[in-house]
Protein backbone atom coordinates (compact mmCIF):
# COMPACT_ATOMS: atom_id res chain seq x y z
CA MET A 1 -118.71 63.88 -54.74
CA ASP A 2 -116.83 61.85 -53.08
CA SER A 3 -118.31 58.18 -51.43
CA ALA A 4 -117.75 59.28 -48.53
CA MET A 5 -119.64 62.32 -47.89
CA ILE A 6 -122.28 61.41 -49.97
CA GLY A 7 -122.37 58.70 -46.95
CA LYS A 8 -122.33 61.37 -44.46
CA ILE A 9 -125.47 63.18 -46.28
CA MET A 10 -126.79 59.97 -46.26
CA LYS A 11 -126.43 59.70 -42.41
CA ALA A 12 -126.99 63.04 -41.66
CA LYS A 13 -130.26 62.41 -43.58
CA ARG A 14 -130.97 59.11 -40.89
CA TYR A 15 -129.94 61.35 -38.36
CA ALA A 16 -132.80 64.20 -38.51
CA ASP A 17 -135.08 62.03 -39.09
CA GLU A 18 -134.40 60.37 -35.69
CA ARG A 19 -134.32 63.31 -34.78
CA TYR A 20 -136.60 62.71 -31.42
CA GLU A 21 -134.46 59.96 -30.52
CA ARG A 22 -130.51 61.37 -31.23
CA LEU A 23 -131.70 65.47 -30.05
CA GLN A 24 -131.37 66.60 -26.68
CA PHE A 25 -131.21 70.17 -25.92
CA ARG A 26 -129.19 71.30 -23.05
CA ARG A 27 -128.44 75.08 -23.36
CA PHE A 28 -129.16 77.28 -26.20
CA GLU A 29 -130.83 81.23 -26.11
CA VAL A 30 -133.47 82.46 -29.54
CA ILE A 31 -134.96 85.68 -30.50
CA PHE A 32 -138.64 85.37 -31.16
CA LYS A 33 -140.33 87.92 -32.62
CA GLY A 34 -143.47 88.56 -30.95
CA ASP A 35 -146.56 90.30 -32.30
CA HIS A 36 -144.88 93.71 -30.44
CA ARG A 37 -140.94 92.69 -30.15
CA ASP A 38 -138.54 90.97 -30.60
CA HIS A 39 -137.44 88.68 -26.97
CA LEU A 40 -134.63 86.40 -25.73
CA ILE A 41 -135.16 83.51 -24.68
CA GLN A 42 -132.99 81.22 -23.01
CA TYR A 43 -132.84 77.85 -22.17
CA ASP A 44 -130.82 75.60 -19.33
CA GLU A 45 -130.42 73.14 -18.25
CA GLY A 46 -134.03 72.55 -17.29
CA ASP A 47 -134.61 76.85 -16.74
CA TRP A 48 -136.66 78.70 -18.78
CA SER A 49 -136.04 82.48 -19.18
CA CYS A 50 -137.52 84.83 -20.99
CA THR A 51 -137.16 88.99 -21.28
CA CYS A 52 -141.17 89.55 -22.05
CA ASP A 53 -142.49 91.47 -19.18
CA PHE A 54 -145.24 88.22 -18.98
CA PHE A 55 -142.64 86.12 -17.93
CA LYS A 56 -140.81 88.13 -15.71
CA GLN A 57 -144.13 88.21 -13.10
CA ARG A 58 -145.66 84.58 -13.99
CA GLY A 59 -142.04 82.52 -14.46
CA VAL A 60 -143.65 81.08 -18.05
CA CYS A 61 -145.18 82.78 -21.28
CA SER A 62 -146.37 82.45 -24.47
CA HIS A 63 -143.12 82.05 -25.70
CA THR A 64 -141.57 79.52 -23.83
CA MET A 65 -144.51 78.00 -24.14
CA THR A 66 -143.67 78.05 -27.92
CA MET A 67 -140.36 76.87 -27.57
CA GLU A 68 -141.94 73.58 -25.77
CA ARG A 69 -143.76 72.71 -28.89
CA VAL A 70 -141.79 73.34 -31.16
CA LEU A 71 -139.41 71.58 -29.02
CA ASN A 72 -141.63 68.24 -28.05
CA GLY A 73 -139.43 65.43 -27.27
CA MET A 74 -136.16 66.63 -28.08
CA LEU A 75 -136.02 68.33 -24.23
CA PRO A 76 -134.57 65.89 -21.11
CA ASP A 77 -137.61 63.67 -19.60
CA TRP A 78 -136.00 65.51 -16.20
CA ALA A 79 -136.95 69.03 -18.03
CA PRO A 80 -139.18 71.21 -15.72
CA ALA A 81 -141.83 72.38 -18.09
CA ALA A 82 -144.73 75.09 -18.30
CA ASN A 83 -146.80 73.32 -20.91
CA HIS A 84 -149.42 71.90 -18.05
CA TYR A 85 -151.42 74.72 -19.05
CA MET A 86 -151.36 73.61 -22.20
CA GLU A 87 -153.16 70.75 -24.11
CA PRO A 88 -151.05 67.76 -24.53
CA VAL A 89 -148.94 67.86 -27.67
CA PHE A 90 -149.05 65.22 -30.38
CA ALA A 91 -145.75 64.49 -32.25
């Protein structure tokens, strides 16, 4: 393996270790494998959506709250959070 590639691999590892300082999600979609069925979760500039019935009724659900926990520290500070329903998350 050439030295340039080794340098890039080392840099990628460092970036991954610094993910909370380096990464900020703006939009994405995820298939969430729930207990009863799969759900499509989308995040777009601070707005969450989920295809489950609970989200349609309440605008928040266990699936979106899970994603907020998983991404703790990697969502923009201005993004509205549904995690005010949960106890604080410590990294």
